[in-house]
């Protein structure tokens, strides 16, 4: 389980169940287990501070490498 945080202000955004090794390139919406403060504006997902963490794709969020950090373990 990973905790995705804003890369700018370090606010918790959501908990995500990552399957497999490797980078977090996309977050599938059905694997988001708990949402904290993530906001959707148009096609973009971001933090209340204005930092964009990803763009909406069909069934997933395509993540912006520079926009987020994470803590936790990958399965």
Protein backbone atom coordinates (compact mmCIF):
# COMPACT_ATOMS: atom_id res chain seq x y z
CA UNK A 1 0.00 0.00 0.00
CA UNK A 2 1.40 3.39 -1.02
CA UNK A 3 0.47 6.79 0.35
CA UNK A 4 0.61 9.34 -2.48
CA UNK A 5 1.54 12.86 -1.31
CA UNK A 6 1.86 16.24 -3.02
CA UNK A 7 5.43 16.88 -4.18
CA UNK A 8 5.12 20.57 -3.33
CA UNK A 9 3.43 20.80 0.11
CA UNK A 10 3.60 17.10 1.24
CA UNK A 11 -0.18 16.85 1.86
CA UNK A 12 -1.59 13.28 1.83
CA UNK A 13 -3.75 12.82 -1.26
CA UNK A 14 -4.74 9.13 -1.38
CA UNK A 15 -3.81 5.55 -0.48
CA UNK A 16 -3.09 3.31 -3.48
CA UNK A 17 -2.61 -0.44 -3.85
CA UNK A 18 0.42 -0.84 -6.14
CA UNK A 19 0.89 -4.22 -7.80
CA UNK A 20 4.30 -5.11 -9.20
CA UNK A 21 7.68 -3.48 -9.15
CA UNK A 22 8.68 -0.34 -10.99
CA UNK A 23 7.71 3.30 -11.15
CA UNK A 24 4.27 4.70 -10.43
CA UNK A 25 3.29 5.73 -13.97
CA UNK A 26 -0.47 5.29 -13.72
CA UNK A 27 -2.82 4.91 -10.77
CA UNK A 28 -5.85 2.81 -11.59
CA UNK A 29 -8.93 4.38 -10.00
CA UNK A 30 -10.30 1.05 -8.74
CA UNK A 31 -7.10 0.52 -6.67
CA UNK A 32 -7.42 3.82 -4.77
CA UNK A 33 -8.45 2.64 -1.31
CA UNK A 34 -8.84 5.93 0.56
CA UNK A 35 -9.01 9.49 -0.72
CA UNK A 36 -7.85 12.38 1.48
CA UNK A 37 -7.60 15.71 -0.32
CA UNK A 38 -7.22 14.99 -4.03
CA UNK A 39 -9.14 17.40 -6.26
CA UNK A 40 -10.22 17.06 -9.89
CA UNK A 41 -10.35 20.20 -12.03
CA UNK A 42 -11.34 19.45 -15.61
CA UNK A 43 -9.07 16.63 -16.79
CA UNK A 44 -6.38 17.22 -14.14
CA UNK A 45 -6.00 15.79 -10.65
CA UNK A 46 -4.15 17.82 -8.06
CA UNK A 47 -3.62 19.07 -4.55
CA UNK A 48 -5.51 21.96 -2.91
CA UNK A 49 -2.24 23.96 -3.11
CA UNK A 50 -2.56 24.00 -6.93
CA UNK A 51 0.09 21.37 -7.77
CA UNK A 52 -1.00 19.03 -10.61
CA UNK A 53 -0.16 15.37 -9.93
CA UNK A 54 -1.77 13.73 -12.96
CA UNK A 55 -4.17 13.75 -15.89
CA UNK A 56 -7.39 11.75 -16.23
CA UNK A 57 -7.31 8.77 -18.56
CA UNK A 58 -10.08 6.24 -19.01
CA UNK A 59 -10.08 4.31 -15.71
CA UNK A 60 -6.69 5.61 -14.55
CA UNK A 61 -4.71 8.70 -13.63
CA UNK A 62 -1.55 9.24 -15.71
CA UNK A 63 0.87 10.52 -13.08
CA UNK A 64 3.22 13.50 -13.43
CA UNK A 65 6.67 12.39 -12.18
CA UNK A 66 7.50 15.77 -10.68
CA UNK A 67 4.12 16.33 -9.03
CA UNK A 68 4.03 13.67 -6.30
CA UNK A 69 6.00 11.59 -3.84
CA UNK A 70 5.03 8.34 -2.14
CA UNK A 71 5.76 6.34 0.96
CA UNK A 72 5.04 2.69 1.66
CA UNK A 73 5.87 -0.62 0.01
CA UNK A 74 5.18 -1.99 -3.45
CA UNK A 75 3.83 -5.53 -3.78
